[in-house]
Structures are given as structure tokens and as C-alpha cells.
C-alpha atoms as a PDB file:
ATOM      1  CA  MET A   1      -8.332 -37.112  -4.514  1.00  0.00           C
ATOM      2  CA  LYS A   2      -5.542 -34.560  -5.037  1.00  0.00           C
ATOM      3  CA  PHE A   3      -7.288 -32.670  -7.557  1.00  0.00           C
ATOM      4  CA  TRP A   4     -10.573 -31.986  -5.559  1.00  0.00           C
ATOM      5  CA  ILE A   5      -8.489 -30.494  -2.753  1.00  0.00           C
ATOM      6  CA  PRO A   6      -7.095 -27.290  -4.743  1.00  0.00           C
ATOM      7  CA  LEU A   7     -10.460 -27.150  -6.239  1.00  0.00           C
ATOM      8  CA  LEU A   8     -12.415 -27.099  -3.439  1.00  0.00           C
ATOM      9  CA  PHE A   9     -10.069 -24.546  -1.901  1.00  0.00           C
ATOM     10  CA  ALA A  10     -10.459 -22.249  -4.920  1.00  0.00           C
ATOM     11  CA  THR A  11     -14.500 -22.427  -4.979  1.00  0.00           C
ATOM     12  CA  THR A  12     -14.450 -21.169  -1.501  1.00  0.00           C
ATOM     13  CA  LEU A  13     -12.143 -18.107  -2.441  1.00  0.00           C
ATOM     14  CA  ILE A  14     -14.745 -16.757  -5.210  1.00  0.00           C
ATOM     15  CA  PRO A  15     -17.486 -15.838  -3.542  1.00  0.00           C
ATOM     16  CA  ALA A  16     -15.583 -14.028  -0.717  1.00  0.00           C
ATOM     17  CA  THR A  17     -14.158 -11.876  -2.883  1.00  0.00           C
ATOM     18  CA  GLN A  18     -17.064 -10.881  -4.696  1.00  0.00           C
ATOM     19  CA  VAL A  19     -18.877  -9.705  -1.439  1.00  0.00           C
ATOM     20  CA  VAL A  20     -15.226  -7.345  -0.324  1.00  0.00           C
ATOM     21  CA  GLN A  21     -16.061  -5.975  -3.705  1.00  0.00           C
ATOM     22  CA  ALA A  22     -19.704  -4.951  -3.588  1.00  0.00           C
ATOM     23  CA  GLU A  23     -18.742  -3.316  -0.172  1.00  0.00           C
ATOM     24  CA  VAL A  24     -16.094  -1.381  -1.412  1.00  0.00           C
ATOM     25  CA  LEU A  25     -18.242  -0.173  -4.180  1.00  0.00           C
ATOM     26  CA  LEU A  26     -20.884   0.918  -1.970  1.00  0.00           C
ATOM     27  CA  LEU A  27     -18.577   3.044   0.380  1.00  0.00           C
ATOM     28  CA  ASP A  28     -17.276   4.594  -2.911  1.00  0.00           C
ATOM     29  CA  ALA A  29     -20.755   5.314  -3.926  1.00  0.00           C
ATOM     30  CA  ILE A  30     -21.483   7.286  -0.995  1.00  0.00           C
ATOM     31  CA  ALA A  31     -18.592   9.146  -0.687  1.00  0.00           C
ATOM     32  CA  GLU A  32     -19.206  10.404  -4.396  1.00  0.00           C
ATOM     33  CA  GLU A  33     -22.499  11.926  -3.904  1.00  0.00           C
ATOM     34  CA  PRO A  34     -22.105  14.332  -0.757  1.00  0.00           C
ATOM     35  CA  VAL A  35     -25.792  15.582   0.143  1.00  0.00           C
ATOM     36  CA  ASN A  36     -26.393  19.142  -1.444  1.00  0.00           C
ATOM     37  CA  SER A  37     -22.543  19.864  -2.418  1.00  0.00           C
ATOM     38  CA  PRO A  38     -22.077  21.724  -5.798  1.00  0.00           C
ATOM     39  CA  GLU A  39     -21.005  17.969  -6.987  1.00  0.00           C
ATOM     40  CA  GLY A  40     -24.178  16.145  -5.725  1.00  0.00           C
ATOM     41  CA  LEU A  41     -27.505  15.530  -6.095  1.00  0.00           C
ATOM     42  CA  GLN A  42     -29.917  18.138  -4.302  1.00  0.00           C
ATOM     43  CA  ARG A  43     -31.757  16.103  -2.088  1.00  0.00           C
ATOM     44  CA  PRO A  44     -33.706  16.295   1.571  1.00  0.00           C
ATOM     45  CA  THR A  45     -31.256  16.269   4.494  1.00  0.00           C
ATOM     46  CA  ARG A  46     -31.820  14.876   7.912  1.00  0.00           C
ATOM     47  CA  GLY A  47     -34.099  16.755  10.232  1.00  0.00           C
ATOM     48  CA  LEU A  48     -36.493  18.474   7.504  1.00  0.00           C
ATOM     49  CA  THR A  49     -40.233  16.981   8.132  1.00  0.00           C
ATOM     50  CA  MET A  50     -42.744  15.341   5.657  1.00  0.00           C
ATOM     51  CA  ASN A  51     -44.110  18.489   5.070  1.00  0.00           C
ATOM     52  CA  GLN A  52     -40.849  20.259   4.478  1.00  0.00           C
ATOM     53  CA  VAL A  53     -39.942  17.838   1.988  1.00  0.00           C
ATOM     54  CA  ARG A  54     -43.162  17.574   0.043  1.00  0.00           C
ATOM     55  CA  MET A  55     -42.808  22.028   0.198  1.00  0.00           C
ATOM     56  CA  GLN A  56     -39.380  21.689  -1.565  1.00  0.00           C
ATOM     57  CA  PHE A  57     -38.802  18.773  -3.624  1.00  0.00           C
ATOM     58  CA  GLY A  58     -42.400  18.049  -4.473  1.00  0.00           C
ATOM     59  CA  GLU A  59     -44.718  14.802  -4.445  1.00  0.00           C
ATOM     60  CA  PRO A  60     -42.556  11.761  -4.493  1.00  0.00           C
ATOM     61  CA  ASP A  61     -43.427   9.313  -7.443  1.00  0.00           C
ATOM     62  CA  TYR A  62     -44.214   6.384  -4.618  1.00  0.00           C
ATOM     63  CA  GLU A  63     -44.954   6.569  -0.858  1.00  0.00           C
ATOM     64  CA  HIS A  64     -44.113   3.213   0.439  1.00  0.00           C
ATOM     65  CA  PRO A  65     -46.054   2.539   3.896  1.00  0.00           C
ATOM     66  CA  TRP A  66     -44.183   2.411   7.100  1.00  0.00           C
ATOM     67  CA  VAL A  67     -43.104  -0.661   8.560  1.00  0.00           C
ATOM     68  CA  GLY A  68     -41.370  -1.170  12.152  1.00  0.00           C
ATOM     69  CA  SER A  69     -41.532   0.355  15.518  1.00  0.00           C
ATOM     70  CA  PRO A  70     -40.693   2.883  15.500  1.00  0.00           C
ATOM     71  CA  PRO A  71     -42.520   3.481  12.082  1.00  0.00           C
ATOM     72  CA  ILE A  72     -39.892   3.884   9.037  1.00  0.00           C
ATOM     73  CA  THR A  73     -41.443   4.942   5.527  1.00  0.00           C
ATOM     74  CA  ARG A  74     -39.416   5.282   2.387  1.00  0.00           C
ATOM     75  CA  TRP A  75     -40.503   7.889  -0.497  1.00  0.00           C
ATOM     76  CA  ASP A  76     -39.340   7.339  -3.828  1.00  0.00           C
ATOM     77  CA  TYR A  77     -38.200  10.048  -6.211  1.00  0.00           C
ATOM     78  CA  PRO A  78     -36.854   9.566  -9.802  1.00  0.00           C
ATOM     79  CA  ASP A  79     -32.929   9.886  -8.561  1.00  0.00           C
ATOM     80  CA  TYR A  80     -32.822   9.384  -4.868  1.00  0.00           C
ATOM     81  CA  SER A  81     -35.186   7.871  -1.630  1.00  0.00           C
ATOM     82  CA  VAL A  82     -36.289   9.786   1.523  1.00  0.00           C
ATOM     83  CA  PHE A  83     -36.196   7.381   4.433  1.00  0.00           C
ATOM     84  CA  PHE A  84     -38.550   8.747   7.525  1.00  0.00           C
ATOM     85  CA  GLU A  85     -38.773   8.171  10.917  1.00  0.00           C
ATOM     86  CA  PHE A  86     -42.221   9.113  11.998  1.00  0.00           C
ATOM     87  CA  GLU A  87     -42.472  12.410  10.462  1.00  0.00           C
ATOM     88  CA  MET A  88     -38.481  13.522  10.324  1.00  0.00           C
ATOM     89  CA  VAL A  89     -35.979  12.626   7.423  1.00  0.00           C
ATOM     90  CA  LEU A  90     -33.302  10.296   8.637  1.00  0.00           C
ATOM     91  CA  ILE A  91     -31.095   9.917   5.301  1.00  0.00           C
ATOM     92  CA  SER A  92     -31.775  10.396   1.370  1.00  0.00           C
ATOM     93  CA  VAL A  93     -30.332   7.580  -0.974  1.00  0.00           C
ATOM     94  CA  VAL A  94     -28.957   8.267  -4.326  1.00  0.00           C
ATOM     95  CA  HIS A  95     -30.677   5.401  -6.383  1.00  0.00           C
ATOM     96  CA  ARG A  96     -27.657   3.541  -8.815  1.00  0.00           C
END
């Protein structure tokens, strides 16, 4: 019986450490890719319209249908995805 208590305690700690590591990596990834800086990938910024994105960055590889209310649309490009609310860019996210 004494063997099971430390084993149970150890197995409950393993998933918690994995979650914390994933969150740190995501934050590091965001910090490493500043939008449109010389070090970062050129991609659409907040406030551009869908037409402006098409003109400046070309046609997306895939346009996902809108979901929710307000409608959120995602366009996928080779290195990043662009999220729109109605016709305006909310954010662009670099693929990892």
C-alpha cells in the first residue's frame, strides 16, 4: 500500500508539467515573430480589409467558411493564417 501513494502522486505531476511547458513555448513563439518587423514574417496587420489583404498578399491557399456571431473567417497562406471579424483583420498567426 505504501508503494502506491508515491506512485499515484508522481503520475499526477507529470501531466501538469507538460501543460506548463506548452504554454511557455507558445508565448516564446509569439514574441519571436513580431508582425512586419525586419526579423519577422511580412503578414497582414489588424484593421486591413479582406480586399486590402488580397491586393497586398495575394489569394489565400484556403478560405475557411465563417463561424459564430460575429462571423469569424480564417484564410490560410503558406506560412501564416489570417483571422477576420466581418471584413476586417483581427490577427495573423505564423504557422509552427
